[in-house]
Amino acid sequence: MNKKILALAAVTLTLSACASQIDAGVATGGDTPGFLWGLWHGFIFPFAWIGSLFDPDIAVYAVPNNGGWYDFGFFLGVTVLGGGSWFSSKKRGKK
C-alpha cells in the first residue's frame, strides 16, 4: 500500500512540475490583483462559480494577476476562509 501511495505522489509531483503559466497571465502593474485580491476571490469562489454558470461575464479567477502571491491568496481563501480547514477539523462523533 505504501509503495502505491509513493508512486502516486511521484507521478503527481512529476506532472505538476510540467505546469506553467503563460506570460500574458502575469502582470506587474499597480492595479494588478495581488495577494489580498486572491484571498478575496478565493473566499467568494463558491458564489462566483455559481454565478459564472449563468453569466459569462463572471469569472472565478483574475487574469492577469501578479502570479504566485495571487495564487497563494486564492488558495488560502478557498481552503481557510472557505471552510475547508473548519470542516476537516470538526470531530466526528464523541466516543
PDB file of N, CA and C in Angstrom:
ATOM      1  N   MET A   1       0.817  -1.199   0.000  1.00  0.00           N
ATOM      2  CA  MET A   1       0.000   0.000   0.000  1.00  0.00           C
ATOM      3  C   MET A   1       0.860   1.263   0.000  1.00  0.00           C
ATOM      4  N   ASN A   2       1.923   1.273   0.811  1.00  0.00           N
ATOM      5  CA  ASN A   2       2.799   2.442   0.873  1.00  0.00           C
ATOM      6  C   ASN A   2       3.506   2.690  -0.451  1.00  0.00           C
ATOM      7  N   LYS A   3       3.857   1.608  -1.165  1.00  0.00           N
ATOM      8  CA  LYS A   3       4.517   1.770  -2.465  1.00  0.00           C
ATOM      9  C   LYS A   3       3.577   2.411  -3.468  1.00  0.00           C
ATOM     10  N   LYS A   4       2.287   2.075  -3.387  1.00  0.00           N
ATOM     11  CA  LYS A   4       1.314   2.666  -4.301  1.00  0.00           C
ATOM     12  C   LYS A   4       1.159   4.167  -4.017  1.00  0.00           C
ATOM     13  N   ILE A   5       1.129   4.523  -2.757  1.00  0.00           N
ATOM     14  CA  ILE A   5       1.000   5.935  -2.386  1.00  0.00           C
ATOM     15  C   ILE A   5       2.229   6.716  -2.828  1.00  0.00           C
ATOM     16  N   LEU A   6       3.405   6.148  -2.613  1.00  0.00           N
ATOM     17  CA  LEU A   6       4.641   6.820  -3.039  1.00  0.00           C
ATOM     18  C   LEU A   6       4.704   6.965  -4.557  1.00  0.00           C
ATOM     19  N   ALA A   7       4.264   5.932  -5.277  1.00  0.00           N
ATOM     20  CA  ALA A   7       4.258   6.005  -6.738  1.00  0.00           C
ATOM     21  C   ALA A   7       3.283   7.076  -7.218  1.00  0.00           C
ATOM     22  N   LEU A   8       2.106   7.130  -6.600  1.00  0.00           N
ATOM     23  CA  LEU A   8       1.120   8.144  -6.970  1.00  0.00           C
ATOM     24  C   LEU A   8       1.644   9.542  -6.673  1.00  0.00           C
ATOM     25  N   ALA A   9       2.294   9.714  -5.526  1.00  0.00           N
ATOM     26  CA  ALA A   9       2.867  11.012  -5.180  1.00  0.00           C
ATOM     27  C   ALA A   9       3.963  11.410  -6.162  1.00  0.00           C
ATOM     28  N   ALA A  10       4.800  10.447  -6.566  1.00  0.00           N
ATOM     29  CA  ALA A  10       5.868  10.737  -7.514  1.00  0.00           C
ATOM     30  C   ALA A  10       5.304  11.145  -8.873  1.00  0.00           C
ATOM     31  N   VAL A  11       4.270  10.453  -9.330  1.00  0.00           N
ATOM     32  CA  VAL A  11       3.657  10.787 -10.618  1.00  0.00           C
ATOM     33  C   VAL A  11       3.002  12.172 -10.537  1.00  0.00           C
ATOM     34  N   THR A  12       2.313  12.435  -9.434  1.00  0.00           N
ATOM     35  CA  THR A  12       1.661  13.734  -9.265  1.00  0.00           C
ATOM     36  C   THR A  12       2.677  14.867  -9.252  1.00  0.00           C
ATOM     37  N   LEU A  13       3.764  14.707  -8.524  1.00  0.00           N
ATOM     38  CA  LEU A  13       4.795  15.745  -8.481  1.00  0.00           C
ATOM     39  C   LEU A  13       5.461  15.934  -9.841  1.00  0.00           C
ATOM     40  N   THR A  14       5.678  14.833 -10.553  1.00  0.00           N
ATOM     41  CA  THR A  14       6.291  14.925 -11.882  1.00  0.00           C
ATOM     42  C   THR A  14       5.387  15.695 -12.837  1.00  0.00           C
ATOM     43  N   LEU A  15       4.089  15.374 -12.822  1.00  0.00           N
ATOM     44  CA  LEU A  15       3.160  16.075 -13.702  1.00  0.00           C
ATOM     45  C   LEU A  15       2.994  17.540 -13.314  1.00  0.00           C
ATOM     46  N   SER A  16       2.997  17.833 -12.019  1.00  0.00           N
ATOM     47  CA  SER A  16       2.836  19.220 -11.601  1.00  0.00           C
ATOM     48  C   SER A  16       4.074  20.059 -11.934  1.00  0.00           C
ATOM     49  N   ALA A  17       5.218  19.417 -12.061  1.00  0.00           N
ATOM     50  CA  ALA A  17       6.431  20.143 -12.436  1.00  0.00           C
ATOM     51  C   ALA A  17       6.354  20.640 -13.874  1.00  0.00           C
ATOM     52  N   CYS A  18       5.490  20.027 -14.670  1.00  0.00           N
ATOM     53  CA  CYS A  18       5.335  20.426 -16.072  1.00  0.00           C
ATOM     54  C   CYS A  18       4.390  21.623 -16.223  1.00  0.00           C
ATOM     55  N   ALA A  19       3.656  21.956 -15.181  1.00  0.00           N
ATOM     56  CA  ALA A  19       2.684  23.046 -15.263  1.00  0.00           C
ATOM     57  C   ALA A  19       3.397  24.396 -15.333  1.00  0.00           C
ATOM     58  N   SER A  20       2.860  25.271 -16.136  1.00  0.00           N
ATOM     59  CA  SER A  20       3.412  26.617 -16.220  1.00  0.00           C
ATOM     60  C   SER A  20       2.285  27.598 -16.520  1.00  0.00           C
ATOM     61  N   GLN A  21       2.548  28.847 -16.264  1.00  0.00           N
ATOM     62  CA  GLN A  21       1.575  29.895 -16.516  1.00  0.00           C
ATOM     63  C   GLN A  21       2.057  30.710 -17.702  1.00  0.00           C
ATOM     64  N   ILE A  22       1.135  31.040 -18.592  1.00  0.00           N
ATOM     65  CA  ILE A  22       1.518  31.821 -19.757  1.00  0.00           C
ATOM     66  C   ILE A  22       1.963  33.215 -19.314  1.00  0.00           C
ATOM     67  N   ASP A  23       2.864  33.792 -20.058  1.00  0.00           N
ATOM     68  CA  ASP A  23       3.400  35.111 -19.708  1.00  0.00           C
ATOM     69  C   ASP A  23       2.322  36.193 -19.669  1.00  0.00           C
ATOM     70  N   ALA A  24       1.307  36.064 -20.518  1.00  0.00           N
ATOM     71  CA  ALA A  24       0.243  37.062 -20.542  1.00  0.00           C
ATOM     72  C   ALA A  24      -0.610  37.012 -19.280  1.00  0.00           C
ATOM     73  N   GLY A  25      -0.525  35.934 -18.514  1.00  0.00           N
ATOM     74  CA  GLY A  25      -1.312  35.798 -17.294  1.00  0.00           C
ATOM     75  C   GLY A  25      -0.694  36.483 -16.094  1.00  0.00           C
ATOM     76  N   VAL A  26       0.557  36.921 -16.200  1.00  0.00           N
ATOM     77  CA  VAL A  26       1.249  37.565 -15.083  1.00  0.00           C
ATOM     78  C   VAL A  26       1.570  39.002 -15.477  1.00  0.00           C
ATOM     79  N   ALA A  27       1.219  39.932 -14.581  1.00  0.00           N
ATOM     80  CA  ALA A  27       1.482  41.346 -14.830  1.00  0.00           C
ATOM     81  C   ALA A  27       2.079  41.963 -13.573  1.00  0.00           C
ATOM     82  N   THR A  28       2.698  43.122 -13.714  1.00  0.00           N
ATOM     83  CA  THR A  28       3.353  43.758 -12.572  1.00  0.00           C
ATOM     84  C   THR A  28       2.856  45.175 -12.308  1.00  0.00           C
ATOM     85  N   GLY A  29       1.783  45.593 -12.938  1.00  0.00           N
ATOM     86  CA  GLY A  29       1.280  46.952 -12.750  1.00  0.00           C
ATOM     87  C   GLY A  29       0.708  47.167 -11.353  1.00  0.00           C
ATOM     88  N   GLY A  30       0.495  48.435 -11.002  1.00  0.00           N
ATOM     89  CA  GLY A  30      -0.024  48.777  -9.693  1.00  0.00           C
ATOM     90  C   GLY A  30      -1.452  48.326  -9.461  1.00  0.00           C
ATOM     91  N   ASP A  31      -2.235  48.197 -10.530  1.00  0.00           N
ATOM     92  CA  ASP A  31      -3.628  47.796 -10.375  1.00  0.00           C
ATOM     93  C   ASP A  31      -3.836  46.299 -10.626  1.00  0.00           C
ATOM     94  N   THR A  32      -2.759  45.540 -10.686  1.00  0.00           N
ATOM     95  CA  THR A  32      -2.837  44.096 -10.906  1.00  0.00           C
ATOM     96  C   THR A  32      -3.246  43.402  -9.615  1.00  0.00           C
ATOM     97  N   PRO A  33      -4.217  42.483  -9.671  1.00  0.00           N
ATOM     98  CA  PRO A  33      -4.628  41.778  -8.453  1.00  0.00           C
ATOM     99  C   PRO A  33      -3.461  41.027  -7.813  1.00  0.00           C
ATOM    100  N   GLY A  34      -3.314  41.185  -6.507  1.00  0.00           N
ATOM    101  CA  GLY A  34      -2.248  40.531  -5.756  1.00  0.00           C
ATOM    102  C   GLY A  34      -2.809  39.621  -4.677  1.00  0.00           C
ATOM    103  N   PHE A  35      -2.066  39.507  -3.581  1.00  0.00           N
ATOM    104  CA  PHE A  35      -2.420  38.577  -2.511  1.00  0.00           C
ATOM    105  C   PHE A  35      -3.814  38.817  -1.940  1.00  0.00           C
ATOM    106  N   LEU A  36      -4.119  40.074  -1.588  1.00  0.00           N
ATOM    107  CA  LEU A  36      -5.415  40.353  -0.960  1.00  0.00           C
ATOM    108  C   LEU A  36      -6.586  40.100  -1.895  1.00  0.00           C
ATOM    109  N   TRP A  37      -6.422  40.435  -3.176  1.00  0.00           N
ATOM    110  CA  TRP A  37      -7.484  40.131  -4.135  1.00  0.00           C
ATOM    111  C   TRP A  37      -7.617  38.625  -4.321  1.00  0.00           C
ATOM    112  N   GLY A  38      -6.494  37.909  -4.314  1.00  0.00           N
ATOM    113  CA  GLY A  38      -6.550  36.451  -4.398  1.00  0.00           C
ATOM    114  C   GLY A  38      -7.269  35.856  -3.208  1.00  0.00           C
ATOM    115  N   LEU A  39      -7.004  36.403  -2.018  1.00  0.00           N
ATOM    116  CA  LEU A  39      -7.683  35.949  -0.806  1.00  0.00           C
ATOM    117  C   LEU A  39      -9.190  36.173  -0.922  1.00  0.00           C
ATOM    118  N   TRP A  40      -9.565  37.355  -1.388  1.00  0.00           N
ATOM    119  CA  TRP A  40     -10.985  37.671  -1.552  1.00  0.00           C
ATOM    120  C   TRP A  40     -11.629  36.774  -2.607  1.00  0.00           C
ATOM    121  N   HIS A  41     -10.981  36.611  -3.749  1.00  0.00           N
ATOM    122  CA  HIS A  41     -11.539  35.769  -4.810  1.00  0.00           C
ATOM    123  C   HIS A  41     -11.659  34.318  -4.365  1.00  0.00           C
ATOM    124  N   GLY A  42     -10.716  33.851  -3.563  1.00  0.00           N
ATOM    125  CA  GLY A  42     -10.814  32.501  -3.033  1.00  0.00           C
ATOM    126  C   GLY A  42     -11.973  32.357  -2.068  1.00  0.00           C
ATOM    127  N   PHE A  43     -12.195  33.379  -1.258  1.00  0.00           N
ATOM    128  CA  PHE A  43     -13.284  33.337  -0.286  1.00  0.00           C
ATOM    129  C   PHE A  43     -14.648  33.312  -0.964  1.00  0.00           C
ATOM    130  N   ILE A  44     -14.808  34.090  -2.026  1.00  0.00           N
ATOM    131  CA  ILE A  44     -16.110  34.153  -2.703  1.00  0.00           C
ATOM    132  C   ILE A  44     -16.222  33.144  -3.839  1.00  0.00           C
ATOM    133  N   PHE A  45     -15.245  32.244  -3.953  1.00  0.00           N
ATOM    134  CA  PHE A  45     -15.229  31.273  -5.046  1.00  0.00           C
ATOM    135  C   PHE A  45     -16.546  30.522  -5.219  1.00  0.00           C
ATOM    136  N   PRO A  46     -17.164  29.961  -4.170  1.00  0.00           N
ATOM    137  CA  PRO A  46     -18.402  29.199  -4.400  1.00  0.00           C
ATOM    138  C   PRO A  46     -19.501  30.047  -5.028  1.00  0.00           C
ATOM    139  N   PHE A  47     -19.621  31.286  -4.584  1.00  0.00           N
ATOM    140  CA  PHE A  47     -20.665  32.160  -5.122  1.00  0.00           C
ATOM    141  C   PHE A  47     -20.339  32.598  -6.548  1.00  0.00           C
ATOM    142  N   ALA A  48     -19.064  32.887  -6.792  1.00  0.00           N
ATOM    143  CA  ALA A  48     -18.646  33.289  -8.138  1.00  0.00           C
ATOM    144  C   ALA A  48     -18.816  32.136  -9.120  1.00  0.00           C
ATOM    145  N   TRP A  49     -18.532  30.918  -8.670  1.00  0.00           N
ATOM    146  CA  TRP A  49     -18.680  29.761  -9.557  1.00  0.00           C
ATOM    147  C   TRP A  49     -20.137  29.564  -9.948  1.00  0.00           C
ATOM    148  N   ILE A  50     -21.045  29.675  -8.980  1.00  0.00           N
ATOM    149  CA  ILE A  50     -22.473  29.543  -9.292  1.00  0.00           C
ATOM    150  C   ILE A  50     -22.902  30.660 -10.235  1.00  0.00           C
ATOM    151  N   GLY A  51     -22.450  31.881  -9.975  1.00  0.00           N
ATOM    152  CA  GLY A  51     -22.785  32.993 -10.859  1.00  0.00           C
ATOM    153  C   GLY A  51     -22.233  32.813 -12.256  1.00  0.00           C
ATOM    154  N   SER A  52     -21.039  32.211 -12.363  1.00  0.00           N
ATOM    155  CA  SER A  52     -20.423  32.018 -13.682  1.00  0.00           C
ATOM    156  C   SER A  52     -21.185  31.003 -14.531  1.00  0.00           C
ATOM    157  N   LEU A  53     -21.975  30.160 -13.898  1.00  0.00           N
ATOM    158  CA  LEU A  53     -22.788  29.211 -14.663  1.00  0.00           C
ATOM    159  C   LEU A  53     -23.896  29.911 -15.434  1.00  0.00           C
ATOM    160  N   PHE A  54     -24.344  31.061 -14.924  1.00  0.00           N
ATOM    161  CA  PHE A  54     -25.464  31.775 -15.526  1.00  0.00           C
ATOM    162  C   PHE A  54     -25.058  33.047 -16.255  1.00  0.00           C
ATOM    163  N   ASP A  55     -23.899  33.601 -15.949  1.00  0.00           N
ATOM    164  CA  ASP A  55     -23.454  34.855 -16.559  1.00  0.00           C
ATOM    165  C   ASP A  55     -22.006  34.709 -17.032  1.00  0.00           C
ATOM    166  N   PRO A  56     -21.755  34.765 -18.334  1.00  0.00           N
ATOM    167  CA  PRO A  56     -20.389  34.583 -18.840  1.00  0.00           C
ATOM    168  C   PRO A  56     -19.426  35.713 -18.464  1.00  0.00           C
ATOM    169  N   ASP A  57     -19.949  36.827 -17.947  1.00  0.00           N
ATOM    170  CA  ASP A  57     -19.079  37.928 -17.544  1.00  0.00           C
ATOM    171  C   ASP A  57     -18.500  37.751 -16.139  1.00  0.00           C
ATOM    172  N   ILE A  58     -18.952  36.735 -15.404  1.00  0.00           N
ATOM    173  CA  ILE A  58     -18.450  36.471 -14.056  1.00  0.00           C
ATOM    174  C   ILE A  58     -17.337  35.440 -14.140  1.00  0.00           C
ATOM    175  N   ALA A  59     -16.177  35.772 -13.576  1.00  0.00           N
ATOM    176  CA  ALA A  59     -15.035  34.854 -13.563  1.00  0.00           C
ATOM    177  C   ALA A  59     -14.679  34.528 -12.119  1.00  0.00           C
ATOM    178  N   VAL A  60     -14.115  33.346 -11.886  1.00  0.00           N
ATOM    179  CA  VAL A  60     -13.740  32.956 -10.530  1.00  0.00           C
ATOM    180  C   VAL A  60     -12.271  33.213 -10.245  1.00  0.00           C
ATOM    181  N   TYR A  61     -11.500  33.583 -11.262  1.00  0.00           N
ATOM    182  CA  TYR A  61     -10.058  33.759 -11.125  1.00  0.00           C
ATOM    183  C   TYR A  61      -9.632  34.940 -11.985  1.00  0.00           C
ATOM    184  N   ALA A  62      -8.881  35.874 -11.422  1.00  0.00           N
ATOM    185  CA  ALA A  62      -8.476  37.081 -12.145  1.00  0.00           C
ATOM    186  C   ALA A  62      -7.255  36.810 -13.020  1.00  0.00           C
ATOM    187  N   VAL A  63      -7.384  37.119 -14.304  1.00  0.00           N
ATOM    188  CA  VAL A  63      -6.261  37.039 -15.237  1.00  0.00           C
ATOM    189  C   VAL A  63      -6.237  38.347 -15.997  1.00  0.00           C
ATOM    190  N   PRO A  64      -5.136  39.059 -16.025  1.00  0.00           N
ATOM    191  CA  PRO A  64      -3.837  38.745 -15.443  1.00  0.00           C
ATOM    192  C   PRO A  64      -3.802  39.063 -13.955  1.00  0.00           C
ATOM    193  N   ASN A  65      -2.880  38.421 -13.251  1.00  0.00           N
ATOM    194  CA  ASN A  65      -2.635  38.701 -11.840  1.00  0.00           C
ATOM    195  C   ASN A  65      -1.132  38.770 -11.630  1.00  0.00           C
ATOM    196  N   ASN A  66      -0.691  38.952 -10.381  1.00  0.00           N
ATOM    197  CA  ASN A  66       0.748  39.112 -10.170  1.00  0.00           C
ATOM    198  C   ASN A  66       1.473  37.787  -9.942  1.00  0.00           C
ATOM    199  N   GLY A  67       0.817  36.684 -10.171  1.00  0.00           N
ATOM    200  CA  GLY A  67       1.481  35.381 -10.119  1.00  0.00           C
ATOM    201  C   GLY A  67       1.335  34.664  -8.801  1.00  0.00           C
ATOM    202  N   GLY A  68       2.458  34.300  -8.212  1.00  0.00           N
ATOM    203  CA  GLY A  68       2.482  33.447  -7.036  1.00  0.00           C
ATOM    204  C   GLY A  68       1.736  33.984  -5.825  1.00  0.00           C
ATOM    205  N   TRP A  69       1.844  35.271  -5.552  1.00  0.00           N
ATOM    206  CA  TRP A  69       1.156  35.815  -4.379  1.00  0.00           C
ATOM    207  C   TRP A  69      -0.347  35.785  -4.559  1.00  0.00           C
ATOM    208  N   TYR A  70      -0.828  36.063  -5.758  1.00  0.00           N
ATOM    209  CA  TYR A  70      -2.268  35.964  -6.013  1.00  0.00           C
ATOM    210  C   TYR A  70      -2.715  34.514  -5.834  1.00  0.00           C
ATOM    211  N   ASP A  71      -1.953  33.593  -6.396  1.00  0.00           N
ATOM    212  CA  ASP A  71      -2.296  32.174  -6.283  1.00  0.00           C
ATOM    213  C   ASP A  71      -2.329  31.725  -4.827  1.00  0.00           C
ATOM    214  N   PHE A  72      -1.353  32.178  -4.036  1.00  0.00           N
ATOM    215  CA  PHE A  72      -1.302  31.818  -2.621  1.00  0.00           C
ATOM    216  C   PHE A  72      -2.517  32.370  -1.873  1.00  0.00           C
ATOM    217  N   GLY A  73      -2.884  33.616  -2.147  1.00  0.00           N
ATOM    218  CA  GLY A  73      -4.068  34.206  -1.532  1.00  0.00           C
ATOM    219  C   GLY A  73      -5.333  33.476  -1.942  1.00  0.00           C
ATOM    220  N   PHE A  74      -5.426  33.106  -3.218  1.00  0.00           N
ATOM    221  CA  PHE A  74      -6.595  32.375  -3.713  1.00  0.00           C
ATOM    222  C   PHE A  74      -6.697  31.024  -3.011  1.00  0.00           C
ATOM    223  N   PHE A  75      -5.573  30.334  -2.876  1.00  0.00           N
ATOM    224  CA  PHE A  75      -5.549  29.040  -2.200  1.00  0.00           C
ATOM    225  C   PHE A  75      -5.994  29.175  -0.744  1.00  0.00           C
ATOM    226  N   LEU A  76      -5.448  30.173  -0.034  1.00  0.00           N
ATOM    227  CA  LEU A  76      -5.851  30.392   1.357  1.00  0.00           C
ATOM    228  C   LEU A  76      -7.326  30.740   1.458  1.00  0.00           C
ATOM    229  N   GLY A  77      -7.809  31.546   0.546  1.00  0.00           N
ATOM    230  CA  GLY A  77      -9.217  31.926   0.565  1.00  0.00           C
ATOM    231  C   GLY A  77     -10.133  30.740   0.370  1.00  0.00           C
ATOM    232  N   VAL A  78      -9.779  29.859  -0.550  1.00  0.00           N
ATOM    233  CA  VAL A  78     -10.612  28.684  -0.809  1.00  0.00           C
ATOM    234  C   VAL A  78     -10.556  27.716   0.368  1.00  0.00           C
ATOM    235  N   THR A  79      -9.373  27.444   0.888  1.00  0.00           N
ATOM    236  CA  THR A  79      -9.245  26.422   1.922  1.00  0.00           C
ATOM    237  C   THR A  79      -9.577  26.925   3.319  1.00  0.00           C
ATOM    238  N   VAL A  80      -9.016  28.042   3.728  1.00  0.00           N
ATOM    239  CA  VAL A  80      -9.190  28.501   5.108  1.00  0.00           C
ATOM    240  C   VAL A  80     -10.478  29.304   5.260  1.00  0.00           C
ATOM    241  N   LEU A  81     -10.611  30.380   4.524  1.00  0.00           N
ATOM    242  CA  LEU A  81     -11.798  31.218   4.657  1.00  0.00           C
ATOM    243  C   LEU A  81     -13.038  30.534   4.102  1.00  0.00           C
ATOM    244  N   GLY A  82     -12.862  29.682   3.111  1.00  0.00           N
ATOM    245  CA  GLY A  82     -13.994  28.977   2.516  1.00  0.00           C
ATOM    246  C   GLY A  82     -14.519  27.840   3.364  1.00  0.00           C
ATOM    247  N   GLY A  83     -13.875  27.535   4.460  1.00  0.00           N
ATOM    248  CA  GLY A  83     -14.368  26.498   5.351  1.00  0.00           C
ATOM    249  C   GLY A  83     -13.664  25.165   5.220  1.00  0.00           C
ATOM    250  N   GLY A  84     -12.683  25.064   4.357  1.00  0.00           N
ATOM    251  CA  GLY A  84     -12.003  23.787   4.146  1.00  0.00           C
ATOM    252  C   GLY A  84     -11.365  23.237   5.400  1.00  0.00           C
ATOM    253  N   SER A  85     -10.632  24.055   6.127  1.00  0.00           N
ATOM    254  CA  SER A  85      -9.989  23.564   7.333  1.00  0.00           C
ATOM    255  C   SER A  85     -10.987  23.412   8.476  1.00  0.00           C
ATOM    256  N   TRP A  86     -12.051  24.189   8.491  1.00  0.00           N
ATOM    257  CA  TRP A  86     -13.033  24.086   9.550  1.00  0.00           C
ATOM    258  C   TRP A  86     -13.772  22.761   9.475  1.00  0.00           C
ATOM    259  N   PHE A  87     -14.173  22.362   8.255  1.00  0.00           N
ATOM    260  CA  PHE A  87     -14.894  21.112   8.105  1.00  0.00           C
ATOM    261  C   PHE A  87     -14.025  19.902   8.419  1.00  0.00           C
ATOM    262  N   SER A  88     -12.755  19.950   8.077  1.00  0.00           N
ATOM    263  CA  SER A  88     -11.893  18.810   8.323  1.00  0.00           C
ATOM    264  C   SER A  88     -11.491  18.711   9.791  1.00  0.00           C
ATOM    265  N   SER A  89     -11.601  19.791  10.543  1.00  0.00           N
ATOM    266  CA  SER A  89     -11.185  19.762  11.934  1.00  0.00           C
ATOM    267  C   SER A  89     -12.313  19.422  12.890  1.00  0.00           C
ATOM    268  N   LYS A  90     -13.550  19.349  12.401  1.00  0.00           N
ATOM    269  CA  LYS A  90     -14.661  19.011  13.277  1.00  0.00           C
ATOM    270  C   LYS A  90     -14.528  17.562  13.731  1.00  0.00           C
ATOM    271  N   LYS A  91     -14.821  17.351  14.966  1.00  0.00           N
ATOM    272  CA  LYS A  91     -14.751  15.980  15.499  1.00  0.00           C
ATOM    273  C   LYS A  91     -15.969  15.225  15.017  1.00  0.00           C
ATOM    274  N   ARG A  92     -15.739  14.012  14.613  1.00  0.00           N
ATOM    275  CA  ARG A  92     -16.823  13.175  14.071  1.00  0.00           C
ATOM    276  C   ARG A  92     -17.345  12.256  15.172  1.00  0.00           C
ATOM    277  N   GLY A  93     -18.290  12.751  15.916  1.00  0.00           N
ATOM    278  CA  GLY A  93     -18.909  11.941  16.961  1.00  0.00           C
ATOM    279  C   GLY A  93     -18.007  11.726  18.148  1.00  0.00           C
ATOM    280  N   LYS A  94     -18.546  11.869  19.304  1.00  0.00           N
ATOM    281  CA  LYS A  94     -17.747  11.660  20.519  1.00  0.00           C
ATOM    282  C   LYS A  94     -17.910  10.222  20.978  1.00  0.00           C
ATOM    283  N   LYS A  95     -16.808   9.612  21.383  1.00  0.00           N
ATOM    284  CA  LYS A  95     -16.844   8.212  21.830  1.00  0.00           C
ATOM    285  C   LYS A  95     -16.559   8.125  23.291  1.00  0.00           C
TER     286      LYS A  95
END
